[in-house]
N, C-alpha and C. Protein backbone atom coordinates (compact mmCIF):
# COMPACT_ATOMS: atom_id res chain seq x y z
N MET A 1 44.07 39.49 146.84
CA MET A 1 43.66 40.84 147.12
C MET A 1 42.21 41.08 146.69
N ARG A 2 41.84 40.50 145.54
CA ARG A 2 40.46 40.66 145.05
C ARG A 2 39.46 40.04 146.03
N LYS A 3 39.85 38.90 146.60
CA LYS A 3 38.96 38.23 147.55
C LYS A 3 38.76 39.09 148.80
N ILE A 4 39.82 39.74 149.24
CA ILE A 4 39.72 40.60 150.42
C ILE A 4 38.83 41.80 150.12
N LEU A 5 38.99 42.40 148.95
CA LEU A 5 38.15 43.53 148.57
C LEU A 5 36.69 43.11 148.41
N ALA A 6 36.45 41.95 147.81
CA ALA A 6 35.08 41.46 147.64
C ALA A 6 34.45 41.20 149.00
N ALA A 7 35.20 40.58 149.91
CA ALA A 7 34.69 40.31 151.25
C ALA A 7 34.39 41.60 151.99
N ALA A 8 35.27 42.60 151.84
CA ALA A 8 35.06 43.90 152.48
C ALA A 8 33.80 44.57 151.93
N ALA A 9 33.62 44.48 150.61
CA ALA A 9 32.44 45.09 149.99
C ALA A 9 31.16 44.41 150.46
N LEU A 10 31.16 43.10 150.52
CA LEU A 10 29.98 42.38 150.99
C LEU A 10 29.69 42.69 152.46
N THR A 11 30.72 42.78 153.26
CA THR A 11 30.54 43.12 154.67
C THR A 11 29.94 44.50 154.81
N ALA A 12 30.45 45.46 154.07
CA ALA A 12 29.93 46.82 154.12
C ALA A 12 28.47 46.85 153.68
N LEU A 13 28.16 46.15 152.61
CA LEU A 13 26.78 46.07 152.13
C LEU A 13 25.87 45.50 153.20
N PHE A 14 26.30 44.44 153.82
CA PHE A 14 25.53 43.80 154.88
C PHE A 14 25.33 44.75 156.06
N LEU A 15 26.39 45.42 156.47
CA LEU A 15 26.31 46.30 157.63
C LEU A 15 25.39 47.50 157.39
N PHE A 16 25.30 47.96 156.15
CA PHE A 16 24.43 49.09 155.86
C PHE A 16 23.00 48.67 155.52
N THR A 17 22.81 47.47 154.99
CA THR A 17 21.48 47.02 154.58
C THR A 17 20.67 46.48 155.75
N VAL A 18 21.24 45.59 156.55
CA VAL A 18 20.49 44.95 157.63
C VAL A 18 19.93 45.96 158.63
N PRO A 19 20.72 46.94 159.12
CA PRO A 19 20.13 47.91 160.05
C PRO A 19 18.97 48.68 159.43
N ASN A 20 19.05 48.96 158.12
CA ASN A 20 17.95 49.67 157.47
C ASN A 20 16.68 48.83 157.43
N ILE A 21 16.83 47.54 157.24
CA ILE A 21 15.65 46.67 157.25
C ILE A 21 14.99 46.71 158.61
N PHE A 22 15.80 46.54 159.67
CA PHE A 22 15.24 46.55 161.02
C PHE A 22 14.74 47.92 161.41
N ALA A 23 15.38 48.97 160.94
CA ALA A 23 14.92 50.32 161.24
C ALA A 23 13.55 50.56 160.64
N ALA A 24 13.33 50.07 159.40
CA ALA A 24 12.03 50.24 158.77
C ALA A 24 10.97 49.43 159.51
N THR A 25 11.33 48.25 159.97
CA THR A 25 10.39 47.40 160.67
C THR A 25 10.07 47.94 162.05
N SER A 26 11.08 48.48 162.73
CA SER A 26 10.90 48.85 164.13
C SER A 26 10.07 50.11 164.31
N LYS A 27 9.73 50.83 163.25
CA LYS A 27 8.89 52.01 163.39
C LYS A 27 7.56 51.65 164.04
N SER A 28 7.02 50.47 163.71
CA SER A 28 5.77 50.04 164.33
C SER A 28 6.02 49.36 165.67
N GLY A 29 7.26 48.91 165.88
CA GLY A 29 7.59 48.24 167.14
C GLY A 29 7.17 46.79 167.19
N THR A 30 6.67 46.26 166.08
CA THR A 30 6.21 44.87 166.06
C THR A 30 6.64 44.18 164.77
N ILE A 31 6.60 42.87 164.82
CA ILE A 31 6.80 42.06 163.63
C ILE A 31 5.62 41.10 163.55
N VAL A 32 5.10 40.88 162.36
CA VAL A 32 3.96 39.99 162.16
C VAL A 32 4.43 38.79 161.35
N ILE A 33 4.18 37.60 161.87
CA ILE A 33 4.49 36.36 161.17
C ILE A 33 3.18 35.82 160.62
N VAL A 34 3.14 35.54 159.31
CA VAL A 34 1.94 35.00 158.67
C VAL A 34 2.22 33.52 158.37
N PHE A 35 1.40 32.62 158.94
CA PHE A 35 1.60 31.19 158.78
C PHE A 35 0.88 30.68 157.54
N LYS A 36 1.24 29.48 157.12
CA LYS A 36 0.67 28.89 155.91
C LYS A 36 -0.85 28.77 155.97
N ASP A 37 -1.40 28.54 157.18
CA ASP A 37 -2.85 28.40 157.30
C ASP A 37 -3.55 29.76 157.35
N GLY A 38 -2.78 30.85 157.24
CA GLY A 38 -3.37 32.19 157.16
C GLY A 38 -3.42 32.93 158.49
N HIS A 39 -3.24 32.25 159.61
CA HIS A 39 -3.31 33.00 160.87
C HIS A 39 -2.02 33.80 161.06
N ARG A 40 -2.15 34.88 161.80
CA ARG A 40 -1.03 35.80 162.01
C ARG A 40 -0.69 35.85 163.49
N GLN A 41 0.57 36.06 163.76
CA GLN A 41 0.99 36.24 165.14
C GLN A 41 1.91 37.45 165.18
N THR A 42 1.62 38.39 166.08
CA THR A 42 2.38 39.62 166.20
C THR A 42 3.27 39.56 167.42
N TYR A 43 4.51 39.98 167.26
CA TYR A 43 5.47 39.99 168.36
C TYR A 43 6.00 41.41 168.53
N ASN A 44 6.18 41.83 169.76
CA ASN A 44 6.78 43.11 170.08
C ASN A 44 8.29 42.96 169.89
N LEU A 45 8.89 43.82 169.09
CA LEU A 45 10.33 43.72 168.82
C LEU A 45 11.17 43.87 170.09
N ALA A 46 10.67 44.61 171.07
CA ALA A 46 11.41 44.78 172.32
C ALA A 46 11.53 43.46 173.08
N ASP A 47 10.62 42.51 172.81
CA ASP A 47 10.64 41.22 173.49
C ASP A 47 11.51 40.18 172.79
N ILE A 48 11.97 40.48 171.59
CA ILE A 48 12.73 39.51 170.79
C ILE A 48 14.22 39.73 171.01
N GLU A 49 14.89 38.68 171.45
CA GLU A 49 16.34 38.75 171.63
C GLU A 49 17.05 38.51 170.30
N ARG A 50 16.60 37.48 169.55
CA ARG A 50 17.20 37.18 168.26
C ARG A 50 16.24 36.29 167.47
N VAL A 51 16.47 36.20 166.18
CA VAL A 51 15.72 35.32 165.30
C VAL A 51 16.70 34.28 164.79
N GLU A 52 16.35 33.01 164.94
CA GLU A 52 17.23 31.93 164.51
C GLU A 52 16.58 31.16 163.38
N PHE A 53 17.38 30.78 162.41
CA PHE A 53 16.93 29.93 161.33
C PHE A 53 17.74 28.64 161.41
N PRO A 54 17.05 27.49 161.50
CA PRO A 54 17.78 26.24 161.68
C PRO A 54 18.61 25.89 160.45
N THR A 55 19.72 25.22 160.71
CA THR A 55 20.54 24.71 159.62
C THR A 55 20.10 23.29 159.33
N ALA A 56 20.72 22.66 158.36
CA ALA A 56 20.33 21.30 157.96
C ALA A 56 20.47 20.30 159.10
N ASP A 57 21.38 20.55 160.05
CA ASP A 57 21.60 19.58 161.13
C ASP A 57 20.76 19.88 162.37
N GLN A 58 19.89 20.91 162.32
CA GLN A 58 19.03 21.23 163.45
C GLN A 58 17.60 20.87 163.11
N PRO A 59 16.82 20.39 164.09
CA PRO A 59 15.41 20.12 163.80
C PRO A 59 14.67 21.42 163.55
N SER A 60 13.75 21.39 162.60
CA SER A 60 13.04 22.62 162.25
C SER A 60 11.65 22.69 162.86
N SER A 61 11.16 21.65 163.51
CA SER A 61 9.80 21.69 164.01
C SER A 61 9.60 22.80 165.02
N SER A 62 10.60 23.07 165.87
CA SER A 62 10.43 24.10 166.87
C SER A 62 10.42 25.49 166.23
N ALA A 63 11.09 25.66 165.10
CA ALA A 63 11.15 26.96 164.46
C ALA A 63 9.99 27.19 163.51
N PHE A 64 9.56 26.18 162.77
CA PHE A 64 8.57 26.40 161.73
C PHE A 64 7.35 25.51 161.83
N GLY A 65 7.36 24.52 162.69
CA GLY A 65 6.21 23.65 162.85
C GLY A 65 5.17 24.30 163.74
N PRO A 66 4.16 23.52 164.13
CA PRO A 66 3.14 24.07 165.01
C PRO A 66 3.77 24.51 166.33
N SER A 67 3.28 25.60 166.86
CA SER A 67 3.77 26.09 168.15
C SER A 67 2.84 25.61 169.25
N ARG A 68 3.28 25.78 170.50
CA ARG A 68 2.46 25.40 171.64
C ARG A 68 1.08 26.07 171.55
N GLY A 69 1.08 27.37 171.24
CA GLY A 69 -0.17 28.11 171.16
C GLY A 69 -1.11 27.59 170.08
N HIS A 70 -0.54 26.96 169.07
CA HIS A 70 -1.37 26.42 167.99
C HIS A 70 -2.26 25.29 168.48
N PHE A 71 -1.86 24.61 169.57
CA PHE A 71 -2.63 23.48 170.07
C PHE A 71 -3.72 23.88 171.06
N LEU A 72 -3.72 25.13 171.52
CA LEU A 72 -4.74 25.56 172.47
C LEU A 72 -6.12 25.47 171.84
N GLY A 73 -7.09 25.08 172.63
CA GLY A 73 -8.46 25.06 172.15
C GLY A 73 -9.13 23.72 172.34
N LYS A 74 -10.27 23.58 171.69
CA LYS A 74 -11.11 22.39 171.80
C LYS A 74 -10.96 21.55 170.54
N TRP A 75 -10.45 20.33 170.70
CA TRP A 75 -10.19 19.42 169.59
C TRP A 75 -11.25 18.34 169.53
N GLU A 76 -11.85 18.17 168.35
CA GLU A 76 -12.77 17.05 168.13
C GLU A 76 -11.93 15.89 167.61
N CYS A 77 -12.01 14.76 168.33
CA CYS A 77 -11.17 13.60 168.01
C CYS A 77 -12.03 12.35 167.91
N GLY A 78 -11.57 11.40 167.12
CA GLY A 78 -12.22 10.11 167.07
C GLY A 78 -11.90 9.31 168.32
N ASP A 79 -12.85 8.45 168.72
CA ASP A 79 -12.62 7.63 169.92
C ASP A 79 -12.06 6.25 169.60
N GLY A 80 -11.84 5.97 168.32
CA GLY A 80 -11.31 4.67 167.91
C GLY A 80 -12.39 3.63 167.69
N GLN A 81 -13.65 3.99 167.97
CA GLN A 81 -14.76 3.06 167.79
C GLN A 81 -15.87 3.65 166.94
N GLY A 82 -15.53 4.68 166.17
CA GLY A 82 -16.50 5.29 165.26
C GLY A 82 -17.17 6.53 165.80
N GLY A 83 -16.99 6.85 167.07
CA GLY A 83 -17.58 8.05 167.66
C GLY A 83 -16.56 9.16 167.80
N ASN A 84 -17.00 10.28 168.31
CA ASN A 84 -16.13 11.42 168.54
C ASN A 84 -16.24 11.90 169.97
N PHE A 85 -15.21 12.57 170.44
CA PHE A 85 -15.21 13.21 171.75
C PHE A 85 -14.32 14.44 171.64
N TYR A 86 -14.22 15.20 172.73
CA TYR A 86 -13.45 16.44 172.71
C TYR A 86 -12.32 16.41 173.72
N ILE A 87 -11.20 16.97 173.30
CA ILE A 87 -10.06 17.22 174.17
C ILE A 87 -9.87 18.74 174.16
N THR A 88 -9.91 19.35 175.33
CA THR A 88 -9.70 20.79 175.44
C THR A 88 -8.35 21.03 176.09
N LEU A 89 -7.49 21.77 175.41
CA LEU A 89 -6.15 22.09 175.90
C LEU A 89 -6.12 23.55 176.31
N LEU A 90 -5.87 23.78 177.59
CA LEU A 90 -5.88 25.13 178.14
C LEU A 90 -4.46 25.69 178.25
N GLU A 91 -4.36 27.00 178.24
CA GLU A 91 -3.07 27.67 178.25
C GLU A 91 -2.25 27.35 179.50
N ASP A 92 -2.91 27.08 180.62
CA ASP A 92 -2.19 26.82 181.86
C ASP A 92 -1.66 25.40 181.98
N GLY A 93 -1.82 24.59 180.91
CA GLY A 93 -1.31 23.22 180.92
C GLY A 93 -2.32 22.18 181.35
N ASN A 94 -3.51 22.60 181.72
CA ASN A 94 -4.57 21.66 182.06
C ASN A 94 -5.28 21.19 180.79
N ALA A 95 -5.87 20.00 180.89
CA ALA A 95 -6.60 19.43 179.76
C ALA A 95 -7.88 18.80 180.28
N LEU A 96 -8.90 18.79 179.43
CA LEU A 96 -10.19 18.18 179.77
C LEU A 96 -10.57 17.22 178.65
N ARG A 97 -11.09 16.05 179.02
CA ARG A 97 -11.55 15.06 178.06
C ARG A 97 -13.04 14.85 178.28
N SER A 98 -13.83 14.96 177.22
CA SER A 98 -15.29 14.86 177.38
C SER A 98 -15.74 13.44 177.69
N ILE A 99 -14.98 12.42 177.29
CA ILE A 99 -15.33 11.04 177.65
C ILE A 99 -15.00 10.84 179.12
N GLY A 100 -16.02 10.67 179.94
CA GLY A 100 -15.80 10.47 181.37
C GLY A 100 -15.46 11.74 182.12
N ASN A 101 -15.48 12.88 181.44
CA ASN A 101 -15.18 14.16 182.08
C ASN A 101 -13.86 14.09 182.87
N VAL A 102 -12.81 13.62 182.21
CA VAL A 102 -11.52 13.38 182.85
C VAL A 102 -10.61 14.59 182.71
N HIS A 103 -9.89 14.89 183.78
CA HIS A 103 -8.90 15.97 183.80
C HIS A 103 -7.53 15.39 183.47
N GLY A 104 -6.67 16.24 182.93
CA GLY A 104 -5.29 15.83 182.67
C GLY A 104 -4.39 17.02 182.56
N LYS A 105 -3.14 16.77 182.28
CA LYS A 105 -2.13 17.80 182.06
C LYS A 105 -1.54 17.59 180.67
N TRP A 106 -1.21 18.69 179.99
CA TRP A 106 -0.61 18.55 178.68
C TRP A 106 0.66 19.38 178.57
N ASN A 107 1.56 18.91 177.72
CA ASN A 107 2.82 19.58 177.44
C ASN A 107 3.04 19.61 175.95
N TYR A 108 3.77 20.62 175.53
CA TYR A 108 4.20 20.72 174.13
C TYR A 108 5.58 20.11 174.05
N VAL A 109 5.71 18.96 173.36
CA VAL A 109 6.97 18.22 173.29
C VAL A 109 7.25 17.85 171.84
N ASN A 110 8.39 18.25 171.34
CA ASN A 110 8.81 17.89 169.97
C ASN A 110 7.75 18.17 168.92
N GLY A 111 7.09 19.31 169.03
CA GLY A 111 6.12 19.72 168.01
C GLY A 111 4.76 19.08 168.12
N GLU A 112 4.45 18.43 169.25
CA GLU A 112 3.14 17.81 169.43
C GLU A 112 2.61 18.10 170.82
N ALA A 113 1.30 17.96 170.98
CA ALA A 113 0.66 18.11 172.29
C ALA A 113 0.55 16.72 172.91
N GLN A 114 1.15 16.54 174.08
CA GLN A 114 1.11 15.26 174.78
C GLN A 114 0.29 15.44 176.06
N VAL A 115 -0.78 14.64 176.18
CA VAL A 115 -1.69 14.75 177.32
C VAL A 115 -1.59 13.49 178.16
N THR A 116 -1.39 13.68 179.46
CA THR A 116 -1.43 12.57 180.41
C THR A 116 -2.67 12.78 181.26
N TRP A 117 -3.60 11.81 181.18
CA TRP A 117 -4.88 11.91 181.87
C TRP A 117 -4.78 11.35 183.29
N ASP A 118 -5.63 11.86 184.16
CA ASP A 118 -5.63 11.42 185.56
C ASP A 118 -5.95 9.93 185.70
N ASP A 119 -6.60 9.33 184.68
CA ASP A 119 -6.91 7.90 184.74
C ASP A 119 -5.77 7.03 184.20
N GLY A 120 -4.63 7.68 183.84
CA GLY A 120 -3.46 6.93 183.38
C GLY A 120 -3.31 6.84 181.87
N ALA A 121 -4.37 7.08 181.12
CA ALA A 121 -4.30 7.04 179.65
C ALA A 121 -3.52 8.26 179.16
N GLU A 122 -3.04 8.19 177.94
CA GLU A 122 -2.32 9.30 177.33
C GLU A 122 -2.79 9.47 175.89
N ASP A 123 -2.83 10.72 175.45
CA ASP A 123 -3.14 11.05 174.07
C ASP A 123 -2.09 12.03 173.55
N ALA A 124 -1.78 11.92 172.27
CA ALA A 124 -0.90 12.88 171.62
C ALA A 124 -1.62 13.40 170.39
N ILE A 125 -1.56 14.71 170.19
CA ILE A 125 -2.09 15.31 168.96
C ILE A 125 -0.87 15.72 168.14
N ARG A 126 -0.77 15.13 166.95
CA ARG A 126 0.40 15.33 166.09
C ARG A 126 -0.03 15.81 164.71
N LYS A 127 0.78 16.65 164.13
CA LYS A 127 0.55 17.05 162.74
C LYS A 127 1.12 15.96 161.85
N VAL A 128 0.28 15.44 160.97
CA VAL A 128 0.69 14.41 160.01
C VAL A 128 0.31 14.94 158.63
N GLY A 129 1.33 15.31 157.86
CA GLY A 129 1.04 15.94 156.58
C GLY A 129 0.41 17.30 156.80
N SER A 130 -0.75 17.51 156.19
CA SER A 130 -1.43 18.80 156.34
C SER A 130 -2.57 18.76 157.35
N SER A 131 -2.73 17.63 158.04
CA SER A 131 -3.82 17.52 159.03
C SER A 131 -3.26 17.03 160.36
N TYR A 132 -4.14 16.91 161.32
CA TYR A 132 -3.74 16.46 162.66
C TYR A 132 -4.40 15.12 162.98
N ARG A 133 -3.70 14.34 163.79
CA ARG A 133 -4.19 13.04 164.23
C ARG A 133 -4.04 12.94 165.74
N LYS A 134 -4.97 12.21 166.36
CA LYS A 134 -4.90 11.91 167.78
C LYS A 134 -4.42 10.48 167.93
N PHE A 135 -3.34 10.29 168.69
CA PHE A 135 -2.77 8.98 168.97
C PHE A 135 -3.12 8.64 170.41
N ALA A 136 -3.87 7.55 170.63
CA ALA A 136 -4.32 7.17 171.97
C ALA A 136 -3.45 6.05 172.52
N TYR A 137 -3.07 6.19 173.78
CA TYR A 137 -2.26 5.19 174.47
C TYR A 137 -2.97 4.80 175.76
N THR A 138 -3.12 3.50 175.97
CA THR A 138 -3.80 3.01 177.17
C THR A 138 -2.89 3.17 178.39
N SER A 139 -3.48 3.06 179.55
CA SER A 139 -2.75 3.18 180.81
C SER A 139 -1.57 2.21 180.81
N GLY A 140 -0.41 2.68 181.22
CA GLY A 140 0.79 1.85 181.25
C GLY A 140 1.63 1.94 180.00
N LYS A 141 1.13 2.56 178.95
CA LYS A 141 1.87 2.73 177.70
C LYS A 141 2.49 4.13 177.67
N SER A 142 3.49 4.31 176.82
CA SER A 142 4.11 5.63 176.70
C SER A 142 3.92 6.15 175.28
N PHE A 143 4.31 7.40 175.07
CA PHE A 143 4.13 8.04 173.77
C PHE A 143 4.99 7.42 172.67
N THR A 144 5.94 6.59 173.02
CA THR A 144 6.77 5.93 172.02
C THR A 144 6.29 4.51 171.70
N ASP A 145 5.29 4.03 172.46
CA ASP A 145 4.73 2.70 172.20
C ASP A 145 3.78 2.76 171.00
N THR A 146 3.32 1.59 170.57
CA THR A 146 2.31 1.53 169.52
C THR A 146 0.99 2.02 170.09
N PRO A 147 0.32 2.98 169.42
CA PRO A 147 -0.94 3.50 169.96
C PRO A 147 -2.07 2.48 169.87
N ALA A 148 -3.03 2.60 170.78
CA ALA A 148 -4.22 1.76 170.75
C ALA A 148 -5.08 2.12 169.55
N ASN A 149 -5.11 3.39 169.18
CA ASN A 149 -5.81 3.82 167.97
C ASN A 149 -5.27 5.18 167.54
N VAL A 150 -5.48 5.47 166.26
CA VAL A 150 -5.09 6.75 165.66
C VAL A 150 -6.30 7.25 164.90
N THR A 151 -6.73 8.47 165.21
CA THR A 151 -7.92 9.03 164.55
C THR A 151 -7.65 10.48 164.16
N ASN A 152 -8.57 11.07 163.41
CA ASN A 152 -8.46 12.47 163.05
C ASN A 152 -8.63 13.34 164.28
N ALA A 153 -8.03 14.51 164.23
CA ALA A 153 -8.18 15.53 165.28
C ALA A 153 -8.35 16.87 164.59
N ILE A 154 -9.40 17.58 164.94
CA ILE A 154 -9.70 18.87 164.32
C ILE A 154 -9.87 19.90 165.43
N ASN A 155 -9.10 20.97 165.36
CA ASN A 155 -9.23 22.04 166.35
C ASN A 155 -10.46 22.86 165.98
N THR A 156 -11.50 22.77 166.80
CA THR A 156 -12.75 23.49 166.53
C THR A 156 -12.68 24.94 166.95
N THR A 157 -11.64 25.30 167.71
CA THR A 157 -11.42 26.68 168.12
C THR A 157 -9.96 27.02 167.88
N PRO A 158 -9.57 27.29 166.63
CA PRO A 158 -8.15 27.46 166.30
C PRO A 158 -7.48 28.67 166.91
N LYS A 159 -8.18 29.44 167.70
CA LYS A 159 -7.57 30.54 168.42
C LYS A 159 -7.60 30.17 169.90
N PRO A 160 -6.69 30.69 170.71
CA PRO A 160 -6.74 30.39 172.14
C PRO A 160 -8.11 30.71 172.71
N ILE A 161 -8.59 29.85 173.62
CA ILE A 161 -9.92 30.06 174.21
C ILE A 161 -9.79 30.63 175.61
């Protein structure tokens, strides 16, 4: 009987507390998420269907790792031979590479930006620890193969361009 009363009390507490939290938040009609790097992203509450928190058996990169929008912009990357070049990732899925002025397409896959260039080469920008790295793959290789080189990648325009 005590367990039933305790469960009923907790349920009542939950039912009265949670709506009050959302009621206080919804006065502005938005929610602001502040990321570890300090940037903020605002969402309209009317556009949010639900908020999910992954459990131990679910991958967390999609919920808390870099988002697709985080990869937008102009990235300075090493070329594997001591020089640098730029990869620009656009919101519409197009990509530009300053070496050879090559066009490509990019996708956000498993928490990383994967670029397939028109010349057949591929690059992936991945978060490794607290920084980003560019993994280069020659024509005929895939993102799961051993990369031809791995270099630093720095987003020079950390906001969408």
